[in-house]
Amino acid sequence: MVYLVGGYLLTPDQVLQWCQDHNIQDPTPVSTTLVVNCWLRERSIATRLLAVTFRKEDLYLVVTARRNDGNATATEFEPLKEDDHALLVKRQMDVGDIEFVTVPNPYGY
């Protein structure tokens, strides 16, 4: 079984710029997801920011979808789709034109 999460990829620099653009105090790398997720929750934006390793890079994912896939492996799976919910979150966060991806096993197991 593989746990899949889908959403929008952001680099650490993009997250810091987004925080500055939204008047969020510059978070430390350790507190970035905590600070951003509190901001999102306070505004009732139905997403969260997740630190992930993707394509061997440490990045952030604005999570818009998730599912368990009992037939998939970490390298062979059907990607999640960018849907209306994902597009709504993208607009609410005002993150611009960024890539939608599926990350298998984001917690490393």
PDB file of N, CA and C in Angstrom:
ATOM      1  N   MET A   1       0.842  -1.175   0.000  1.00  0.00           N
ATOM      2  CA  MET A   1       0.000   0.000   0.000  1.00  0.00           C
ATOM      3  C   MET A   1       0.892   1.245   0.000  1.00  0.00           C
ATOM      4  N   VAL A   2       0.474   2.228  -0.780  1.00  0.00           N
ATOM      5  CA  VAL A   2       1.216   3.480  -0.892  1.00  0.00           C
ATOM      6  C   VAL A   2       0.272   4.629  -0.534  1.00  0.00           C
ATOM      7  N   TYR A   3       0.759   5.525   0.297  1.00  0.00           N
ATOM      8  CA  TYR A   3       0.020   6.738   0.625  1.00  0.00           C
ATOM      9  C   TYR A   3       0.478   7.815  -0.358  1.00  0.00           C
ATOM     10  N   LEU A   4      -0.464   8.401  -1.070  1.00  0.00           N
ATOM     11  CA  LEU A   4      -0.175   9.419  -2.076  1.00  0.00           C
ATOM     12  C   LEU A   4      -0.749  10.761  -1.633  1.00  0.00           C
ATOM     13  N   VAL A   5       0.025  11.812  -1.813  1.00  0.00           N
ATOM     14  CA  VAL A   5      -0.484  13.162  -1.593  1.00  0.00           C
ATOM     15  C   VAL A   5      -0.248  13.966  -2.867  1.00  0.00           C
ATOM     16  N   GLY A   6      -1.214  14.772  -3.207  1.00  0.00           N
ATOM     17  CA  GLY A   6      -1.100  15.605  -4.393  1.00  0.00           C
ATOM     18  C   GLY A   6      -1.225  17.059  -4.013  1.00  0.00           C
ATOM     19  N   GLY A   7      -0.582  17.890  -4.792  1.00  0.00           N
ATOM     20  CA  GLY A   7      -0.672  19.316  -4.542  1.00  0.00           C
ATOM     21  C   GLY A   7       0.373  20.078  -5.326  1.00  0.00           C
ATOM     22  N   TYR A   8       0.629  21.272  -4.857  1.00  0.00           N
ATOM     23  CA  TYR A   8       1.500  22.197  -5.565  1.00  0.00           C
ATOM     24  C   TYR A   8       2.856  22.294  -4.890  1.00  0.00           C
ATOM     25  N   LEU A   9       3.901  22.159  -5.695  1.00  0.00           N
ATOM     26  CA  LEU A   9       5.274  22.216  -5.185  1.00  0.00           C
ATOM     27  C   LEU A   9       5.753  23.651  -5.046  1.00  0.00           C
ATOM     28  N   LEU A  10       6.418  23.908  -3.922  1.00  0.00           N
ATOM     29  CA  LEU A  10       7.060  25.189  -3.690  1.00  0.00           C
ATOM     30  C   LEU A  10       8.472  24.952  -3.181  1.00  0.00           C
ATOM     31  N   THR A  11       9.393  25.760  -3.638  1.00  0.00           N
ATOM     32  CA  THR A  11      10.755  25.700  -3.106  1.00  0.00           C
ATOM     33  C   THR A  11      10.779  26.453  -1.770  1.00  0.00           C
ATOM     34  N   PRO A  12      11.799  26.229  -0.965  1.00  0.00           N
ATOM     35  CA  PRO A  12      11.909  27.010   0.271  1.00  0.00           C
ATOM     36  C   PRO A  12      11.914  28.523   0.005  1.00  0.00           C
ATOM     37  N   ASP A  13      12.579  28.956  -1.049  1.00  0.00           N
ATOM     38  CA  ASP A  13      12.589  30.386  -1.374  1.00  0.00           C
ATOM     39  C   ASP A  13      11.200  30.894  -1.748  1.00  0.00           C
ATOM     40  N   GLN A  14      10.429  30.088  -2.478  1.00  0.00           N
ATOM     41  CA  GLN A  14       9.062  30.484  -2.829  1.00  0.00           C
ATOM     42  C   GLN A  14       8.195  30.602  -1.577  1.00  0.00           C
ATOM     43  N   VAL A  15       8.371  29.691  -0.627  1.00  0.00           N
ATOM     44  CA  VAL A  15       7.589  29.749   0.614  1.00  0.00           C
ATOM     45  C   VAL A  15       7.958  31.003   1.401  1.00  0.00           C
ATOM     46  N   LEU A  16       9.247  31.303   1.511  1.00  0.00           N
ATOM     47  CA  LEU A  16       9.657  32.510   2.228  1.00  0.00           C
ATOM     48  C   LEU A  16       9.106  33.765   1.561  1.00  0.00           C
ATOM     49  N   GLN A  17       9.133  33.810   0.227  1.00  0.00           N
ATOM     50  CA  GLN A  17       8.583  34.962  -0.491  1.00  0.00           C
ATOM     51  C   GLN A  17       7.075  35.047  -0.268  1.00  0.00           C
ATOM     52  N   TRP A  18       6.392  33.911  -0.298  1.00  0.00           N
ATOM     53  CA  TRP A  18       4.949  33.893  -0.069  1.00  0.00           C
ATOM     54  C   TRP A  18       4.644  34.414   1.336  1.00  0.00           C
ATOM     55  N   CYS A  19       5.435  33.995   2.315  1.00  0.00           N
ATOM     56  CA  CYS A  19       5.247  34.476   3.692  1.00  0.00           C
ATOM     57  C   CYS A  19       5.420  35.992   3.756  1.00  0.00           C
ATOM     58  N   GLN A  20       6.439  36.508   3.117  1.00  0.00           N
ATOM     59  CA  GLN A  20       6.660  37.958   3.112  1.00  0.00           C
ATOM     60  C   GLN A  20       5.497  38.681   2.441  1.00  0.00           C
ATOM     61  N   ASP A  21       5.019  38.140   1.327  1.00  0.00           N
ATOM     62  CA  ASP A  21       3.910  38.751   0.588  1.00  0.00           C
ATOM     63  C   ASP A  21       2.612  38.770   1.395  1.00  0.00           C
ATOM     64  N   HIS A  22       2.493  37.855   2.363  1.00  0.00           N
ATOM     65  CA  HIS A  22       1.269  37.740   3.167  1.00  0.00           C
ATOM     66  C   HIS A  22       1.492  38.197   4.609  1.00  0.00           C
ATOM     67  N   ASN A  23       2.536  38.976   4.816  1.00  0.00           N
ATOM     68  CA  ASN A  23       2.843  39.559   6.125  1.00  0.00           C
ATOM     69  C   ASN A  23       2.976  38.534   7.236  1.00  0.00           C
ATOM     70  N   ILE A  24       3.561  37.409   6.898  1.00  0.00           N
ATOM     71  CA  ILE A  24       3.859  36.382   7.888  1.00  0.00           C
ATOM     72  C   ILE A  24       5.324  36.553   8.256  1.00  0.00           C
ATOM     73  N   GLN A  25       5.596  36.670   9.544  1.00  0.00           N
ATOM     74  CA  GLN A  25       6.975  36.839   9.991  1.00  0.00           C
ATOM     75  C   GLN A  25       7.836  35.741   9.400  1.00  0.00           C
ATOM     76  N   ASP A  26       9.054  36.103   8.995  1.00  0.00           N
ATOM     77  CA  ASP A  26       9.958  35.118   8.407  1.00  0.00           C
ATOM     78  C   ASP A  26      10.113  33.923   9.336  1.00  0.00           C
ATOM     79  N   PRO A  27       9.582  32.781   8.924  1.00  0.00           N
ATOM     80  CA  PRO A  27       9.722  31.597   9.760  1.00  0.00           C
ATOM     81  C   PRO A  27      11.116  30.990   9.616  1.00  0.00           C
ATOM     82  N   THR A  28      11.507  30.258  10.617  1.00  0.00           N
ATOM     83  CA  THR A  28      12.749  29.500  10.506  1.00  0.00           C
ATOM     84  C   THR A  28      12.435  28.230   9.739  1.00  0.00           C
ATOM     85  N   PRO A  29      13.431  27.558   9.171  1.00  0.00           N
ATOM     86  CA  PRO A  29      13.140  26.301   8.467  1.00  0.00           C
ATOM     87  C   PRO A  29      12.401  25.283   9.344  1.00  0.00           C
ATOM     88  N   VAL A  30      12.645  25.308  10.644  1.00  0.00           N
ATOM     89  CA  VAL A  30      11.988  24.363  11.541  1.00  0.00           C
ATOM     90  C   VAL A  30      10.515  24.714  11.743  1.00  0.00           C
ATOM     91  N   SER A  31      10.185  26.018  11.727  1.00  0.00           N
ATOM     92  CA  SER A  31       8.808  26.425  12.030  1.00  0.00           C
ATOM     93  C   SER A  31       7.968  26.756  10.803  1.00  0.00           C
ATOM     94  N   THR A  32       8.511  26.634   9.620  1.00  0.00           N
ATOM     95  CA  THR A  32       7.804  27.065   8.410  1.00  0.00           C
ATOM     96  C   THR A  32       6.434  26.422   8.286  1.00  0.00           C
ATOM     97  N   THR A  33       6.361  25.099   8.336  1.00  0.00           N
ATOM     98  CA  THR A  33       5.060  24.450   8.149  1.00  0.00           C
ATOM     99  C   THR A  33       4.101  24.812   9.280  1.00  0.00           C
ATOM    100  N   LEU A  34       4.595  24.903  10.497  1.00  0.00           N
ATOM    101  CA  LEU A  34       3.741  25.258  11.638  1.00  0.00           C
ATOM    102  C   LEU A  34       3.136  26.647  11.455  1.00  0.00           C
ATOM    103  N   VAL A  35       3.957  27.627  11.126  1.00  0.00           N
ATOM    104  CA  VAL A  35       3.501  29.012  10.970  1.00  0.00           C
ATOM    105  C   VAL A  35       2.517  29.132   9.800  1.00  0.00           C
ATOM    106  N   VAL A  36       2.865  28.551   8.670  1.00  0.00           N
ATOM    107  CA  VAL A  36       1.987  28.636   7.495  1.00  0.00           C
ATOM    108  C   VAL A  36       0.679  27.885   7.746  1.00  0.00           C
ATOM    109  N   ASN A  37       0.739  26.710   8.356  1.00  0.00           N
ATOM    110  CA  ASN A  37      -0.484  25.946   8.607  1.00  0.00           C
ATOM    111  C   ASN A  37      -1.413  26.660   9.589  1.00  0.00           C
ATOM    112  N   CYS A  38      -0.864  27.373  10.569  1.00  0.00           N
ATOM    113  CA  CYS A  38      -1.699  28.184  11.469  1.00  0.00           C
ATOM    114  C   CYS A  38      -2.384  29.294  10.681  1.00  0.00           C
ATOM    115  N   TRP A  39      -1.645  29.954   9.788  1.00  0.00           N
ATOM    116  CA  TRP A  39      -2.201  31.024   8.967  1.00  0.00           C
ATOM    117  C   TRP A  39      -3.344  30.485   8.104  1.00  0.00           C
ATOM    118  N   LEU A  40      -3.134  29.325   7.490  1.00  0.00           N
ATOM    119  CA  LEU A  40      -4.167  28.725   6.637  1.00  0.00           C
ATOM    120  C   LEU A  40      -5.408  28.367   7.448  1.00  0.00           C
ATOM    121  N   ARG A  41      -5.208  27.775   8.613  1.00  0.00           N
ATOM    122  CA  ARG A  41      -6.331  27.367   9.461  1.00  0.00           C
ATOM    123  C   ARG A  41      -7.139  28.586   9.916  1.00  0.00           C
ATOM    124  N   GLU A  42      -6.457  29.666  10.295  1.00  0.00           N
ATOM    125  CA  GLU A  42      -7.142  30.887  10.729  1.00  0.00           C
ATOM    126  C   GLU A  42      -8.019  31.468   9.629  1.00  0.00           C
ATOM    127  N   ARG A  43      -7.689  31.206   8.383  1.00  0.00           N
ATOM    128  CA  ARG A  43      -8.447  31.733   7.252  1.00  0.00           C
ATOM    129  C   ARG A  43      -9.361  30.695   6.613  1.00  0.00           C
ATOM    130  N   SER A  44      -9.472  29.552   7.248  1.00  0.00           N
ATOM    131  CA  SER A  44     -10.338  28.458   6.779  1.00  0.00           C
ATOM    132  C   SER A  44     -10.019  28.036   5.346  1.00  0.00           C
ATOM    133  N   ILE A  45      -8.740  28.020   5.010  1.00  0.00           N
ATOM    134  CA  ILE A  45      -8.312  27.528   3.701  1.00  0.00           C
ATOM    135  C   ILE A  45      -8.027  26.038   3.862  1.00  0.00           C
ATOM    136  N   ALA A  46      -8.755  25.223   3.126  1.00  0.00           N
ATOM    137  CA  ALA A  46      -8.744  23.768   3.301  1.00  0.00           C
ATOM    138  C   ALA A  46      -7.514  23.116   2.667  1.00  0.00           C
ATOM    139  N   THR A  47      -6.374  23.369   3.267  1.00  0.00           N
ATOM    140  CA  THR A  47      -5.133  22.763   2.824  1.00  0.00           C
ATOM    141  C   THR A  47      -4.140  22.819   3.965  1.00  0.00           C
ATOM    142  N   ARG A  48      -2.974  22.268   3.719  1.00  0.00           N
ATOM    143  CA  ARG A  48      -1.864  22.420   4.655  1.00  0.00           C
ATOM    144  C   ARG A  48      -0.574  22.338   3.870  1.00  0.00           C
ATOM    145  N   LEU A  49       0.471  22.870   4.468  1.00  0.00           N
ATOM    146  CA  LEU A  49       1.793  22.838   3.867  1.00  0.00           C
ATOM    147  C   LEU A  49       2.555  21.672   4.475  1.00  0.00           C
ATOM    148  N   LEU A  50       3.157  20.868   3.627  1.00  0.00           N
ATOM    149  CA  LEU A  50       3.880  19.677   4.067  1.00  0.00           C
ATOM    150  C   LEU A  50       5.295  19.725   3.497  1.00  0.00           C
ATOM    151  N   ALA A  51       6.278  19.538   4.366  1.00  0.00           N
ATOM    152  CA  ALA A  51       7.667  19.433   3.901  1.00  0.00           C
ATOM    153  C   ALA A  51       7.850  18.049   3.294  1.00  0.00           C
ATOM    154  N   VAL A  52       8.397  17.981   2.092  1.00  0.00           N
ATOM    155  CA  VAL A  52       8.581  16.709   1.390  1.00  0.00           C
ATOM    156  C   VAL A  52       9.948  16.674   0.714  1.00  0.00           C
ATOM    157  N   THR A  53      10.385  15.466   0.425  1.00  0.00           N
ATOM    158  CA  THR A  53      11.532  15.283  -0.456  1.00  0.00           C
ATOM    159  C   THR A  53      10.959  14.764  -1.767  1.00  0.00           C
ATOM    160  N   PHE A  54      11.213  15.488  -2.843  1.00  0.00           N
ATOM    161  CA  PHE A  54      10.660  15.144  -4.147  1.00  0.00           C
ATOM    162  C   PHE A  54      11.746  15.393  -5.178  1.00  0.00           C
ATOM    163  N   ARG A  55      11.977  14.392  -6.019  1.00  0.00           N
ATOM    164  CA  ARG A  55      13.060  14.462  -7.013  1.00  0.00           C
ATOM    165  C   ARG A  55      14.399  14.790  -6.333  1.00  0.00           C
ATOM    166  N   LYS A  56      14.578  14.189  -5.156  1.00  0.00           N
ATOM    167  CA  LYS A  56      15.811  14.329  -4.363  1.00  0.00           C
ATOM    168  C   LYS A  56      16.063  15.757  -3.897  1.00  0.00           C
ATOM    169  N   GLU A  57      14.997  16.560  -3.793  1.00  0.00           N
ATOM    170  CA  GLU A  57      15.110  17.934  -3.295  1.00  0.00           C
ATOM    171  C   GLU A  57      14.182  18.105  -2.105  1.00  0.00           C
ATOM    172  N   ASP A  58      14.607  18.919  -1.141  1.00  0.00           N
ATOM    173  CA  ASP A  58      13.747  19.273  -0.019  1.00  0.00           C
ATOM    174  C   ASP A  58      12.870  20.433  -0.453  1.00  0.00           C
ATOM    175  N   LEU A  59      11.564  20.172  -0.517  1.00  0.00           N
ATOM    176  CA  LEU A  59      10.596  21.139  -1.014  1.00  0.00           C
ATOM    177  C   LEU A  59       9.403  21.184  -0.074  1.00  0.00           C
ATOM    178  N   TYR A  60       8.410  21.958  -0.456  1.00  0.00           N
ATOM    179  CA  TYR A  60       7.152  22.025   0.278  1.00  0.00           C
ATOM    180  C   TYR A  60       6.018  21.699  -0.687  1.00  0.00           C
ATOM    181  N   LEU A  61       4.972  21.085  -0.138  1.00  0.00           N
ATOM    182  CA  LEU A  61       3.805  20.736  -0.938  1.00  0.00           C
ATOM    183  C   LEU A  61       2.577  21.358  -0.303  1.00  0.00           C
ATOM    184  N   VAL A  62       1.822  22.122  -1.099  1.00  0.00           N
ATOM    185  CA  VAL A  62       0.518  22.615  -0.688  1.00  0.00           C
ATOM    186  C   VAL A  62      -0.443  21.467  -0.992  1.00  0.00           C
ATOM    187  N   VAL A  63      -0.843  20.735   0.026  1.00  0.00           N
ATOM    188  CA  VAL A  63      -1.601  19.498  -0.143  1.00  0.00           C
ATOM    189  C   VAL A  63      -3.053  19.801  -0.499  1.00  0.00           C
ATOM    190  N   THR A  64      -3.522  19.214  -1.600  1.00  0.00           N
ATOM    191  CA  THR A  64      -4.918  19.387  -2.003  1.00  0.00           C
ATOM    192  C   THR A  64      -5.652  18.058  -2.158  1.00  0.00           C
ATOM    193  N   ALA A  65      -4.928  16.949  -2.164  1.00  0.00           N
ATOM    194  CA  ALA A  65      -5.554  15.633  -2.320  1.00  0.00           C
ATOM    195  C   ALA A  65      -4.667  14.579  -1.684  1.00  0.00           C
ATOM    196  N   ARG A  66      -5.304  13.492  -1.277  1.00  0.00           N
ATOM    197  CA  ARG A  66      -4.543  12.364  -0.721  1.00  0.00           C
ATOM    198  C   ARG A  66      -5.383  11.098  -0.827  1.00  0.00           C
ATOM    199  N   ARG A  67      -4.672   9.969  -0.896  1.00  0.00           N
ATOM    200  CA  ARG A  67      -5.369   8.684  -0.913  1.00  0.00           C
ATOM    201  C   ARG A  67      -4.370   7.559  -0.644  1.00  0.00           C
ATOM    202  N   ASN A  68      -4.893   6.458  -0.146  1.00  0.00           N
ATOM    203  CA  ASN A  68      -4.128   5.218  -0.029  1.00  0.00           C
ATOM    204  C   ASN A  68      -4.411   4.397  -1.268  1.00  0.00           C
ATOM    205  N   ASP A  69      -3.378   3.803  -1.851  1.00  0.00           N
ATOM    206  CA  ASP A  69      -3.540   2.983  -3.043  1.00  0.00           C
ATOM    207  C   ASP A  69      -2.931   1.621  -2.761  1.00  0.00           C
ATOM    208  N   GLY A  70      -3.790   0.642  -2.583  1.00  0.00           N
ATOM    209  CA  GLY A  70      -3.356  -0.707  -2.252  1.00  0.00           C
ATOM    210  C   GLY A  70      -2.673  -1.442  -3.387  1.00  0.00           C
ATOM    211  N   ASN A  71      -2.810  -0.973  -4.608  1.00  0.00           N
ATOM    212  CA  ASN A  71      -2.207  -1.644  -5.761  1.00  0.00           C
ATOM    213  C   ASN A  71      -0.934  -0.981  -6.259  1.00  0.00           C
ATOM    214  N   ALA A  72      -0.583   0.148  -5.678  1.00  0.00           N
ATOM    215  CA  ALA A  72       0.549   0.931  -6.184  1.00  0.00           C
ATOM    216  C   ALA A  72       1.833   0.597  -5.436  1.00  0.00           C
ATOM    217  N   THR A  73       2.926   1.035  -6.040  1.00  0.00           N
ATOM    218  CA  THR A  73       4.230   1.025  -5.375  1.00  0.00           C
ATOM    219  C   THR A  73       4.723   2.467  -5.353  1.00  0.00           C
ATOM    220  N   ALA A  74       5.829   2.687  -4.685  1.00  0.00           N
ATOM    221  CA  ALA A  74       6.366   4.046  -4.601  1.00  0.00           C
ATOM    222  C   ALA A  74       6.808   4.589  -5.951  1.00  0.00           C
ATOM    223  N   THR A  75       7.034   3.706  -6.918  1.00  0.00           N
ATOM    224  CA  THR A  75       7.465   4.161  -8.243  1.00  0.00           C
ATOM    225  C   THR A  75       6.410   3.946  -9.325  1.00  0.00           C
ATOM    226  N   GLU A  76       5.419   3.123  -9.056  1.00  0.00           N
ATOM    227  CA  GLU A  76       4.355   2.838 -10.033  1.00  0.00           C
ATOM    228  C   GLU A  76       2.998   3.119  -9.391  1.00  0.00           C
ATOM    229  N   PHE A  77       2.392   4.237  -9.773  1.00  0.00           N
ATOM    230  CA  PHE A  77       1.098   4.623  -9.209  1.00  0.00           C
ATOM    231  C   PHE A  77       0.386   5.548 -10.190  1.00  0.00           C
ATOM    232  N   GLU A  78      -0.935   5.629 -10.025  1.00  0.00           N
ATOM    233  CA  GLU A  78      -1.705   6.559 -10.845  1.00  0.00           C
ATOM    234  C   GLU A  78      -1.685   7.921 -10.160  1.00  0.00           C
ATOM    235  N   PRO A  79      -1.158   8.944 -10.812  1.00  0.00           N
ATOM    236  CA  PRO A  79      -1.063  10.264 -10.176  1.00  0.00           C
ATOM    237  C   PRO A  79      -2.433  10.832  -9.824  1.00  0.00           C
ATOM    238  N   LEU A  80      -2.464  11.608  -8.763  1.00  0.00           N
ATOM    239  CA  LEU A  80      -3.663  12.343  -8.407  1.00  0.00           C
ATOM    240  C   LEU A  80      -3.853  13.467  -9.424  1.00  0.00           C
ATOM    241  N   LYS A  81      -5.084  13.915  -9.569  1.00  0.00           N
ATOM    242  CA  LYS A  81      -5.402  14.923 -10.589  1.00  0.00           C
ATOM    243  C   LYS A  81      -5.622  16.300  -9.969  1.00  0.00           C
ATOM    244  N   GLU A  82      -5.240  17.308 -10.702  1.00  0.00           N
ATOM    245  CA  GLU A  82      -5.549  18.686 -10.317  1.00  0.00           C
ATOM    246  C   GLU A  82      -7.033  18.909 -10.598  1.00  0.00           C
ATOM    247  N   ASP A  83      -7.822  19.072  -9.535  1.00  0.00           N
ATOM    248  CA  ASP A  83      -9.271  19.199  -9.697  1.00  0.00           C
ATOM    249  C   ASP A  83      -9.735  20.590  -9.255  1.00  0.00           C
ATOM    250  N   ASP A  84     -11.056  20.768  -9.198  1.00  0.00           N
ATOM    251  CA  ASP A  84     -11.612  22.067  -8.830  1.00  0.00           C
ATOM    252  C   ASP A  84     -11.194  22.493  -7.426  1.00  0.00           C
ATOM    253  N   HIS A  85     -11.139  21.532  -6.502  1.00  0.00           N
ATOM    254  CA  HIS A  85     -10.705  21.859  -5.132  1.00  0.00           C
ATOM    255  C   HIS A  85      -9.264  22.375  -5.149  1.00  0.00           C
ATOM    256  N   ALA A  86      -8.398  21.695  -5.878  1.00  0.00           N
ATOM    257  CA  ALA A  86      -7.001  22.115  -5.964  1.00  0.00           C
ATOM    258  C   ALA A  86      -6.900  23.523  -6.551  1.00  0.00           C
ATOM    259  N   LEU A  87      -7.634  23.783  -7.589  1.00  0.00           N
ATOM    260  CA  LEU A  87      -7.595  25.103  -8.224  1.00  0.00           C
ATOM    261  C   LEU A  87      -8.124  26.192  -7.291  1.00  0.00           C
ATOM    262  N   LEU A  88      -9.144  25.860  -6.487  1.00  0.00           N
ATOM    263  CA  LEU A  88      -9.665  26.812  -5.507  1.00  0.00           C
ATOM    264  C   LEU A  88      -8.599  27.151  -4.470  1.00  0.00           C
ATOM    265  N   VAL A  89      -7.930  26.139  -3.947  1.00  0.00           N
ATOM    266  CA  VAL A  89      -6.864  26.366  -2.966  1.00  0.00           C
ATOM    267  C   VAL A  89      -5.756  27.214  -3.579  1.00  0.00           C
ATOM    268  N   LYS A  90      -5.398  26.914  -4.799  1.00  0.00           N
ATOM    269  CA  LYS A  90      -4.350  27.677  -5.494  1.00  0.00           C
ATOM    270  C   LYS A  90      -4.728  29.157  -5.591  1.00  0.00           C
ATOM    271  N   ARG A  91      -6.001  29.426  -5.915  1.00  0.00           N
ATOM    272  CA  ARG A  91      -6.475  30.815  -5.993  1.00  0.00           C
ATOM    273  C   ARG A  91      -6.496  31.463  -4.603  1.00  0.00           C
ATOM    274  N   GLN A  92      -6.989  30.736  -3.605  1.00  0.00           N
ATOM    275  CA  GLN A  92      -7.076  31.290  -2.255  1.00  0.00           C
ATOM    276  C   GLN A  92      -5.701  31.653  -1.705  1.00  0.00           C
ATOM    277  N   MET A  93      -4.712  30.848  -2.033  1.00  0.00           N
ATOM    278  CA  MET A  93      -3.359  31.097  -1.534  1.00  0.00           C
ATOM    279  C   MET A  93      -2.599  32.087  -2.403  1.00  0.00           C
ATOM    280  N   ASP A  94      -3.081  32.312  -3.615  1.00  0.00           N
ATOM    281  CA  ASP A  94      -2.432  33.252  -4.529  1.00  0.00           C
ATOM    282  C   ASP A  94      -0.957  32.889  -4.724  1.00  0.00           C
ATOM    283  N   VAL A  95      -0.732  31.652  -5.177  1.00  0.00           N
ATOM    284  CA  VAL A  95       0.636  31.158  -5.338  1.00  0.00           C
ATOM    285  C   VAL A  95       1.136  31.204  -6.780  1.00  0.00           C
ATOM    286  N   GLY A  96       0.315  31.674  -7.679  1.00  0.00           N
ATOM    287  CA  GLY A  96       0.771  31.810  -9.065  1.00  0.00           C
ATOM    288  C   GLY A  96       0.758  30.486  -9.812  1.00  0.00           C
ATOM    289  N   ASP A  97       1.553  30.428 -10.855  1.00  0.00           N
ATOM    290  CA  ASP A  97       1.594  29.264 -11.742  1.00  0.00           C
ATOM    291  C   ASP A  97       2.668  28.299 -11.246  1.00  0.00           C
ATOM    292  N   ILE A  98       2.250  27.285 -10.492  1.00  0.00           N
ATOM    293  CA  ILE A  98       3.190  26.314  -9.940  1.00  0.00           C
ATOM    294  C   ILE A  98       2.749  24.908 -10.315  1.00  0.00           C
ATOM    295  N   GLU A  99       3.669  23.981 -10.225  1.00  0.00           N
ATOM    296  CA  GLU A  99       3.464  22.605 -10.691  1.00  0.00           C
ATOM    297  C   GLU A  99       2.625  21.782  -9.714  1.00  0.00           C
ATOM    298  N   PHE A 100       1.649  21.046 -10.246  1.00  0.00           N
ATOM    299  CA  PHE A 100       0.862  20.085  -9.484  1.00  0.00           C
ATOM    300  C   PHE A 100       1.529  18.722  -9.630  1.00  0.00           C
ATOM    301  N   VAL A 101       1.794  18.055  -8.507  1.00  0.00           N
ATOM    302  CA  VAL A 101       2.467  16.758  -8.530  1.00  0.00           C
ATOM    303  C   VAL A 101       1.827  15.799  -7.542  1.00  0.00           C
ATOM    304  N   THR A 102       2.187  14.537  -7.671  1.00  0.00           N
ATOM    305  CA  THR A 102       1.821  13.509  -6.694  1.00  0.00           C
ATOM    306  C   THR A 102       3.085  12.997  -6.050  1.00  0.00           C
ATOM    307  N   VAL A 103       3.087  12.987  -4.723  1.00  0.00           N
ATOM    308  CA  VAL A 103       4.244  12.525  -3.960  1.00  0.00           C
ATOM    309  C   VAL A 103       3.857  11.224  -3.254  1.00  0.00           C
ATOM    310  N   PRO A 104       4.552  10.112  -3.576  1.00  0.00           N
ATOM    311  CA  PRO A 104       4.268   8.864  -2.870  1.00  0.00           C
ATOM    312  C   PRO A 104       5.008   8.825  -1.536  1.00  0.00           C
ATOM    313  N   ASN A 105       4.354   8.260  -0.534  1.00  0.00           N
ATOM    314  CA  ASN A 105       4.972   8.075   0.781  1.00  0.00           C
ATOM    315  C   ASN A 105       5.712   9.318   1.279  1.00  0.00           C
ATOM    316  N   PRO A 106       4.992  10.421   1.476  1.00  0.00           N
ATOM    317  CA  PRO A 106       5.664  11.667   1.845  1.00  0.00           C
ATOM    318  C   PRO A 106       6.355  11.612   3.205  1.00  0.00           C
ATOM    319  N   TYR A 107       5.981  10.628   4.019  1.00  0.00           N
ATOM    320  CA  TYR A 107       6.596  10.513   5.345  1.00  0.00           C
ATOM    321  C   TYR A 107       7.746   9.505   5.342  1.00  0.00           C
ATOM    322  N   GLY A 108       8.103   9.023   4.168  1.00  0.00           N
ATOM    323  CA  GLY A 108       9.268   8.164   4.044  1.00  0.00           C
ATOM    324  C   GLY A 108       9.070   6.696   4.347  1.00  0.00           C
ATOM    325  N   TYR A 109       7.852   6.230   4.417  1.00  0.00           N
ATOM    326  CA  TYR A 109       7.632   4.795   4.651  1.00  0.00           C
ATOM    327  C   TYR A 109       6.703   4.211   3.644  1.00  0.00           C
TER     328      TYR A 109
END
